[in-house]
Amino acid sequence: MEMIERKTLVDGTLMLALPHILLVGPEDHYDDVNHERLSNHGYSNGVLLFNEYTDDYRHVPGTVAFTSTTKGPTFYINLVDNAEVHSEIKDPCFGRLVKGFDIIERIALMPKRENGVFELPIYIVDAGIVDKN
């Protein structure tokens, strides 16, 4: 959770929307200067070393998981029940949205290119950890 505490995601982007996930990360492919700044957080081209998937934290709508198939640190928000697919990939869920899933669903409908990348940048203004208690 260090990347959240270090505000690594601030000014990052919601990068890609597929029918089942919304991909998020500290990258900005729309602005080279901002992309360079985000890369200076020390996470550029990182990889997920341990895929700690467990059935206790299933990929259901609104859960958040690290992706093990792209250079990191990127994560995605599950838009639908992905438990079967992502249990095979072993992507670990580490959180869930506590509110605003309706906004995520609307963002996922924004105009995209053929490859699922948004036509216009959608920036992360802030990110934080909410105590589950």
N, C-alpha and C. Protein backbone atom coordinates (compact mmCIF):
# COMPACT_ATOMS: atom_id res chain seq x y z
N MET A 1 0.81 -1.19 0.00
CA MET A 1 0.00 0.00 0.00
C MET A 1 0.86 1.26 0.00
N GLU A 2 2.16 1.05 -0.07
CA GLU A 2 3.07 2.19 -0.11
C GLU A 2 2.79 3.10 -1.30
N MET A 3 2.41 2.51 -2.44
CA MET A 3 2.15 3.37 -3.60
C MET A 3 0.95 4.28 -3.38
N ILE A 4 0.01 3.88 -2.54
CA ILE A 4 -1.12 4.75 -2.21
C ILE A 4 -0.64 5.85 -1.27
N GLU A 5 0.10 5.47 -0.22
CA GLU A 5 0.60 6.45 0.75
C GLU A 5 1.54 7.47 0.11
N ARG A 6 2.32 7.04 -0.89
CA ARG A 6 3.26 7.94 -1.58
C ARG A 6 2.56 8.77 -2.66
N LYS A 7 1.25 8.58 -2.81
CA LYS A 7 0.45 9.31 -3.81
C LYS A 7 0.92 9.02 -5.23
N THR A 8 1.41 7.81 -5.45
CA THR A 8 1.90 7.42 -6.77
C THR A 8 0.81 7.49 -7.83
N LEU A 9 -0.43 7.25 -7.45
CA LEU A 9 -1.52 7.22 -8.43
C LEU A 9 -2.05 8.60 -8.79
N VAL A 10 -1.75 9.62 -7.97
CA VAL A 10 -2.26 10.96 -8.25
C VAL A 10 -1.71 11.44 -9.59
N ASP A 11 -2.58 11.86 -10.46
CA ASP A 11 -2.30 12.26 -11.83
C ASP A 11 -2.04 11.07 -12.75
N GLY A 12 -2.22 9.85 -12.23
CA GLY A 12 -2.21 8.68 -13.09
C GLY A 12 -3.53 8.64 -13.84
N THR A 13 -3.76 7.59 -14.59
CA THR A 13 -4.96 7.57 -15.42
C THR A 13 -5.73 6.26 -15.29
N LEU A 14 -7.01 6.36 -15.60
CA LEU A 14 -7.82 5.20 -15.87
C LEU A 14 -7.54 4.91 -17.34
N MET A 15 -6.80 3.87 -17.61
CA MET A 15 -6.17 3.68 -18.91
C MET A 15 -7.01 2.95 -19.94
N LEU A 16 -7.79 1.99 -19.48
CA LEU A 16 -8.38 1.04 -20.41
C LEU A 16 -9.68 0.52 -19.84
N ALA A 17 -10.66 0.35 -20.69
CA ALA A 17 -11.91 -0.25 -20.24
C ALA A 17 -12.26 -1.40 -21.18
N LEU A 18 -12.36 -2.56 -20.61
CA LEU A 18 -12.84 -3.73 -21.33
C LEU A 18 -14.18 -4.09 -20.72
N PRO A 19 -14.94 -4.98 -21.34
CA PRO A 19 -16.26 -5.28 -20.78
C PRO A 19 -16.24 -5.78 -19.34
N HIS A 20 -15.10 -6.33 -18.88
CA HIS A 20 -15.07 -6.94 -17.55
C HIS A 20 -14.21 -6.19 -16.53
N ILE A 21 -13.32 -5.28 -16.97
CA ILE A 21 -12.44 -4.57 -16.04
C ILE A 21 -12.20 -3.13 -16.48
N LEU A 22 -11.77 -2.31 -15.53
CA LEU A 22 -11.30 -0.95 -15.78
C LEU A 22 -9.87 -0.90 -15.24
N LEU A 23 -8.88 -0.73 -16.13
CA LEU A 23 -7.47 -0.75 -15.76
C LEU A 23 -7.00 0.63 -15.32
N VAL A 24 -6.28 0.68 -14.19
CA VAL A 24 -5.87 1.93 -13.56
C VAL A 24 -4.38 1.85 -13.26
N GLY A 25 -3.66 2.96 -13.38
CA GLY A 25 -2.26 2.93 -13.01
C GLY A 25 -1.58 4.28 -13.02
N PRO A 26 -0.35 4.30 -12.49
CA PRO A 26 0.43 5.54 -12.44
C PRO A 26 1.13 5.78 -13.77
N GLU A 27 0.34 5.93 -14.82
CA GLU A 27 0.87 6.17 -16.15
C GLU A 27 0.03 7.26 -16.80
N ASP A 28 0.65 7.96 -17.74
CA ASP A 28 -0.08 8.98 -18.49
C ASP A 28 0.44 8.97 -19.91
N HIS A 29 -0.22 8.23 -20.77
CA HIS A 29 0.20 8.13 -22.16
C HIS A 29 -0.31 9.30 -23.00
N TYR A 30 -0.95 10.27 -22.34
CA TYR A 30 -1.46 11.44 -23.03
C TYR A 30 -0.53 12.64 -22.84
N ASP A 31 0.36 12.58 -21.84
CA ASP A 31 1.22 13.71 -21.47
C ASP A 31 2.60 13.18 -21.08
N ASP A 32 3.61 13.38 -21.94
CA ASP A 32 4.94 12.82 -21.71
C ASP A 32 5.59 13.34 -20.43
N VAL A 33 5.40 14.62 -20.11
CA VAL A 33 6.02 15.19 -18.91
C VAL A 33 5.43 14.56 -17.66
N ASN A 34 4.11 14.45 -17.61
CA ASN A 34 3.47 13.82 -16.46
C ASN A 34 3.84 12.34 -16.37
N HIS A 35 3.93 11.66 -17.51
CA HIS A 35 4.31 10.25 -17.52
C HIS A 35 5.71 10.07 -16.93
N GLU A 36 6.63 10.95 -17.30
CA GLU A 36 7.99 10.90 -16.76
C GLU A 36 7.98 11.12 -15.24
N ARG A 37 7.18 12.09 -14.79
CA ARG A 37 7.09 12.37 -13.35
C ARG A 37 6.56 11.15 -12.60
N LEU A 38 5.54 10.51 -13.14
CA LEU A 38 4.98 9.33 -12.50
C LEU A 38 6.00 8.19 -12.47
N SER A 39 6.79 8.05 -13.53
CA SER A 39 7.81 7.00 -13.58
C SER A 39 8.89 7.22 -12.53
N ASN A 40 9.11 8.46 -12.12
CA ASN A 40 10.14 8.77 -11.13
C ASN A 40 9.77 8.32 -9.72
N HIS A 41 8.58 7.78 -9.53
CA HIS A 41 8.20 7.25 -8.22
C HIS A 41 8.92 5.94 -7.91
N GLY A 42 9.66 5.42 -8.89
CA GLY A 42 10.41 4.20 -8.65
C GLY A 42 9.66 2.92 -8.94
N TYR A 43 8.52 3.01 -9.60
CA TYR A 43 7.73 1.82 -9.89
C TYR A 43 7.71 1.47 -11.37
N SER A 44 8.43 2.21 -12.18
CA SER A 44 8.39 2.00 -13.62
C SER A 44 8.81 0.57 -13.99
N ASN A 45 8.02 -0.06 -14.81
CA ASN A 45 8.29 -1.41 -15.32
C ASN A 45 8.42 -2.46 -14.23
N GLY A 46 7.73 -2.24 -13.12
CA GLY A 46 7.74 -3.25 -12.07
C GLY A 46 6.88 -4.43 -12.46
N VAL A 47 7.05 -5.51 -11.78
CA VAL A 47 6.24 -6.70 -12.02
C VAL A 47 5.73 -7.21 -10.68
N LEU A 48 4.64 -7.92 -10.72
CA LEU A 48 4.08 -8.52 -9.51
C LEU A 48 4.84 -9.81 -9.24
N LEU A 49 5.59 -9.84 -8.14
CA LEU A 49 6.47 -10.98 -7.86
C LEU A 49 5.72 -12.21 -7.36
N PHE A 50 4.68 -12.01 -6.58
CA PHE A 50 3.95 -13.14 -6.02
C PHE A 50 2.46 -12.99 -6.33
N ASN A 51 1.91 -13.97 -6.98
CA ASN A 51 0.48 -13.97 -7.27
C ASN A 51 -0.21 -14.67 -6.11
N GLU A 52 -0.74 -13.88 -5.20
CA GLU A 52 -1.30 -14.41 -3.97
C GLU A 52 -2.82 -14.52 -4.03
N TYR A 53 -3.32 -15.16 -5.05
CA TYR A 53 -4.76 -15.32 -5.19
C TYR A 53 -5.30 -16.26 -4.11
N THR A 54 -6.46 -15.92 -3.58
CA THR A 54 -7.15 -16.80 -2.65
C THR A 54 -8.65 -16.68 -2.92
N ASP A 55 -9.36 -17.78 -2.76
CA ASP A 55 -10.82 -17.76 -2.94
C ASP A 55 -11.51 -16.93 -1.87
N ASP A 56 -10.79 -16.59 -0.80
CA ASP A 56 -11.38 -15.74 0.25
C ASP A 56 -11.65 -14.33 -0.26
N TYR A 57 -10.92 -13.89 -1.29
CA TYR A 57 -11.08 -12.55 -1.87
C TYR A 57 -11.33 -12.71 -3.36
N ARG A 58 -12.56 -12.99 -3.67
CA ARG A 58 -12.96 -13.31 -5.05
C ARG A 58 -13.12 -12.06 -5.90
N HIS A 59 -13.00 -12.22 -7.19
CA HIS A 59 -13.12 -11.14 -8.16
C HIS A 59 -14.59 -10.92 -8.49
N VAL A 60 -15.27 -10.16 -7.66
CA VAL A 60 -16.67 -9.82 -7.88
C VAL A 60 -16.74 -8.33 -8.20
N PRO A 61 -17.87 -7.84 -8.73
CA PRO A 61 -17.96 -6.43 -9.08
C PRO A 61 -17.57 -5.51 -7.93
N GLY A 62 -16.72 -4.54 -8.25
CA GLY A 62 -16.29 -3.56 -7.25
C GLY A 62 -15.03 -3.92 -6.51
N THR A 63 -14.52 -5.13 -6.71
CA THR A 63 -13.26 -5.48 -6.06
C THR A 63 -12.09 -4.96 -6.90
N VAL A 64 -10.96 -4.80 -6.24
CA VAL A 64 -9.77 -4.23 -6.87
C VAL A 64 -8.66 -5.27 -6.79
N ALA A 65 -7.95 -5.47 -7.91
CA ALA A 65 -6.91 -6.50 -7.97
C ALA A 65 -5.69 -6.00 -8.72
N PHE A 66 -4.52 -6.45 -8.28
CA PHE A 66 -3.30 -6.18 -9.05
C PHE A 66 -3.30 -7.06 -10.27
N THR A 67 -2.77 -6.53 -11.36
CA THR A 67 -2.64 -7.33 -12.57
C THR A 67 -1.24 -7.92 -12.64
N SER A 68 -1.17 -9.18 -12.93
CA SER A 68 0.12 -9.85 -13.03
C SER A 68 0.56 -10.00 -14.48
N THR A 69 -0.24 -9.50 -15.41
CA THR A 69 0.07 -9.71 -16.83
C THR A 69 0.61 -8.47 -17.52
N THR A 70 0.72 -7.34 -16.82
CA THR A 70 1.29 -6.13 -17.42
C THR A 70 2.39 -5.62 -16.51
N LYS A 71 3.20 -4.71 -17.05
CA LYS A 71 4.22 -4.07 -16.22
C LYS A 71 3.51 -3.16 -15.24
N GLY A 72 3.98 -3.12 -14.02
CA GLY A 72 3.22 -2.49 -12.96
C GLY A 72 3.74 -1.14 -12.55
N PRO A 73 3.15 -0.63 -11.50
CA PRO A 73 2.09 -1.27 -10.74
C PRO A 73 0.73 -0.85 -11.26
N THR A 74 0.10 -1.69 -11.97
CA THR A 74 -1.26 -1.40 -12.44
C THR A 74 -2.22 -2.33 -11.71
N PHE A 75 -3.44 -1.88 -11.61
CA PHE A 75 -4.48 -2.70 -11.01
C PHE A 75 -5.75 -2.47 -11.78
N TYR A 76 -6.74 -3.24 -11.49
CA TYR A 76 -8.01 -3.07 -12.18
C TYR A 76 -9.16 -3.20 -11.19
N ILE A 77 -10.27 -2.62 -11.61
CA ILE A 77 -11.52 -2.71 -10.86
C ILE A 77 -12.41 -3.68 -11.63
N ASN A 78 -12.88 -4.70 -10.95
CA ASN A 78 -13.76 -5.68 -11.60
C ASN A 78 -15.13 -5.05 -11.82
N LEU A 79 -15.58 -5.08 -13.07
CA LEU A 79 -16.90 -4.55 -13.41
C LEU A 79 -17.98 -5.62 -13.32
N VAL A 80 -17.59 -6.86 -13.47
CA VAL A 80 -18.51 -8.00 -13.41
C VAL A 80 -17.87 -9.08 -12.55
N ASP A 81 -18.55 -10.20 -12.36
CA ASP A 81 -17.98 -11.32 -11.61
C ASP A 81 -16.94 -12.00 -12.50
N ASN A 82 -15.68 -11.84 -12.13
CA ASN A 82 -14.56 -12.41 -12.87
C ASN A 82 -13.90 -13.55 -12.10
N ALA A 83 -14.56 -14.08 -11.10
CA ALA A 83 -13.93 -15.06 -10.21
C ALA A 83 -13.36 -16.25 -10.97
N GLU A 84 -14.09 -16.78 -11.93
CA GLU A 84 -13.62 -17.97 -12.63
C GLU A 84 -12.38 -17.67 -13.47
N VAL A 85 -12.42 -16.60 -14.25
CA VAL A 85 -11.30 -16.25 -15.13
C VAL A 85 -10.07 -15.87 -14.34
N HIS A 86 -10.23 -15.00 -13.35
CA HIS A 86 -9.06 -14.47 -12.65
C HIS A 86 -8.52 -15.39 -11.58
N SER A 87 -9.26 -16.41 -11.20
CA SER A 87 -8.68 -17.41 -10.30
C SER A 87 -7.66 -18.25 -11.06
N GLU A 88 -7.85 -18.41 -12.37
CA GLU A 88 -6.88 -19.13 -13.20
C GLU A 88 -5.62 -18.30 -13.40
N ILE A 89 -5.77 -17.00 -13.59
CA ILE A 89 -4.63 -16.11 -13.81
C ILE A 89 -3.87 -15.88 -12.50
N LYS A 90 -4.56 -15.97 -11.39
CA LYS A 90 -4.00 -15.79 -10.05
C LYS A 90 -3.74 -14.33 -9.68
N ASP A 91 -4.46 -13.39 -10.29
CA ASP A 91 -4.35 -11.99 -9.89
C ASP A 91 -4.93 -11.82 -8.49
N PRO A 92 -4.19 -11.23 -7.56
CA PRO A 92 -4.70 -11.09 -6.20
C PRO A 92 -5.60 -9.87 -6.00
N CYS A 93 -6.77 -10.09 -5.42
CA CYS A 93 -7.63 -8.97 -5.00
C CYS A 93 -7.06 -8.41 -3.70
N PHE A 94 -7.08 -7.08 -3.58
CA PHE A 94 -6.56 -6.49 -2.35
C PHE A 94 -7.50 -5.46 -1.75
N GLY A 95 -8.63 -5.21 -2.38
CA GLY A 95 -9.55 -4.23 -1.84
C GLY A 95 -10.87 -4.24 -2.57
N ARG A 96 -11.72 -3.31 -2.15
CA ARG A 96 -13.02 -3.16 -2.82
C ARG A 96 -13.43 -1.70 -2.72
N LEU A 97 -14.25 -1.29 -3.67
CA LEU A 97 -14.79 0.07 -3.61
C LEU A 97 -15.82 0.14 -2.51
N VAL A 98 -15.77 1.19 -1.71
CA VAL A 98 -16.78 1.34 -0.66
C VAL A 98 -17.92 2.23 -1.12
N LYS A 99 -17.67 3.05 -2.13
CA LYS A 99 -18.73 3.83 -2.76
C LYS A 99 -18.24 4.29 -4.12
N GLY A 100 -19.18 4.68 -4.97
CA GLY A 100 -18.83 5.22 -6.27
C GLY A 100 -18.77 4.22 -7.40
N PHE A 101 -19.25 2.98 -7.18
CA PHE A 101 -19.21 2.00 -8.27
C PHE A 101 -20.05 2.46 -9.45
N ASP A 102 -21.11 3.19 -9.21
CA ASP A 102 -21.93 3.71 -10.30
C ASP A 102 -21.12 4.68 -11.17
N ILE A 103 -20.21 5.42 -10.57
CA ILE A 103 -19.35 6.33 -11.33
C ILE A 103 -18.36 5.52 -12.18
N ILE A 104 -17.80 4.47 -11.61
CA ILE A 104 -16.88 3.60 -12.36
C ILE A 104 -17.59 2.99 -13.56
N GLU A 105 -18.83 2.57 -13.38
CA GLU A 105 -19.60 2.02 -14.50
C GLU A 105 -19.81 3.05 -15.60
N ARG A 106 -20.07 4.31 -15.21
CA ARG A 106 -20.24 5.37 -16.21
C ARG A 106 -18.93 5.67 -16.92
N ILE A 107 -17.82 5.69 -16.17
CA ILE A 107 -16.50 5.92 -16.79
C ILE A 107 -16.21 4.83 -17.81
N ALA A 108 -16.54 3.59 -17.49
CA ALA A 108 -16.28 2.47 -18.40
C ALA A 108 -17.01 2.64 -19.73
N LEU A 109 -18.05 3.46 -19.76
CA LEU A 109 -18.81 3.69 -21.00
C LEU A 109 -18.29 4.86 -21.82
N MET A 110 -17.26 5.56 -21.32
CA MET A 110 -16.71 6.70 -22.05
C MET A 110 -16.15 6.23 -23.40
N PRO A 111 -16.08 7.14 -24.40
CA PRO A 111 -15.58 6.75 -25.72
C PRO A 111 -14.16 6.18 -25.66
N LYS A 112 -13.97 5.09 -26.42
CA LYS A 112 -12.69 4.39 -26.43
C LYS A 112 -12.25 4.12 -27.87
N ARG A 113 -10.96 3.90 -28.02
CA ARG A 113 -10.42 3.43 -29.29
C ARG A 113 -10.73 1.94 -29.40
N GLU A 114 -10.41 1.34 -30.55
CA GLU A 114 -10.70 -0.09 -30.75
C GLU A 114 -10.06 -0.98 -29.71
N ASN A 115 -8.87 -0.60 -29.22
CA ASN A 115 -8.14 -1.44 -28.26
C ASN A 115 -8.61 -1.25 -26.82
N GLY A 116 -9.64 -0.44 -26.60
CA GLY A 116 -10.18 -0.23 -25.28
C GLY A 116 -9.60 0.96 -24.53
N VAL A 117 -8.55 1.59 -25.09
CA VAL A 117 -7.94 2.76 -24.46
C VAL A 117 -8.89 3.95 -24.64
N PHE A 118 -9.05 4.72 -23.57
CA PHE A 118 -9.95 5.87 -23.64
C PHE A 118 -9.44 6.89 -24.66
N GLU A 119 -10.37 7.52 -25.39
CA GLU A 119 -10.01 8.54 -26.38
C GLU A 119 -9.39 9.76 -25.70
N LEU A 120 -9.91 10.14 -24.55
CA LEU A 120 -9.40 11.29 -23.80
C LEU A 120 -8.92 10.82 -22.44
N PRO A 121 -7.94 11.50 -21.85
CA PRO A 121 -7.44 11.06 -20.54
C PRO A 121 -8.48 11.23 -19.43
N ILE A 122 -8.47 10.29 -18.52
CA ILE A 122 -9.28 10.35 -17.32
C ILE A 122 -8.30 10.24 -16.16
N TYR A 123 -8.10 11.34 -15.44
CA TYR A 123 -7.05 11.40 -14.43
C TYR A 123 -7.55 11.05 -13.03
N ILE A 124 -6.63 10.53 -12.24
CA ILE A 124 -6.87 10.25 -10.84
C ILE A 124 -6.50 11.51 -10.06
N VAL A 125 -7.43 12.07 -9.34
CA VAL A 125 -7.21 13.29 -8.58
C VAL A 125 -6.59 12.97 -7.23
N ASP A 126 -7.05 11.88 -6.60
CA ASP A 126 -6.51 11.48 -5.31
C ASP A 126 -6.84 10.02 -5.08
N ALA A 127 -6.09 9.38 -4.21
CA ALA A 127 -6.34 8.00 -3.83
C ALA A 127 -5.92 7.84 -2.38
N GLY A 128 -6.62 7.01 -1.64
CA GLY A 128 -6.29 6.81 -0.24
C GLY A 128 -6.77 5.46 0.24
N ILE A 129 -6.34 5.12 1.44
CA ILE A 129 -6.73 3.87 2.07
C ILE A 129 -7.77 4.19 3.13
N VAL A 130 -8.87 3.46 3.11
CA VAL A 130 -9.93 3.63 4.10
C VAL A 130 -9.83 2.48 5.08
N ASP A 131 -9.78 2.78 6.35
CA ASP A 131 -9.73 1.74 7.38
C ASP A 131 -11.03 0.95 7.33
N LYS A 132 -10.93 -0.36 7.29
CA LYS A 132 -12.15 -1.18 7.15
C LYS A 132 -12.99 -1.21 8.41
N ASN A 133 -12.50 -0.67 9.52
CA ASN A 133 -13.27 -0.67 10.76
C ASN A 133 -14.23 0.44 10.76
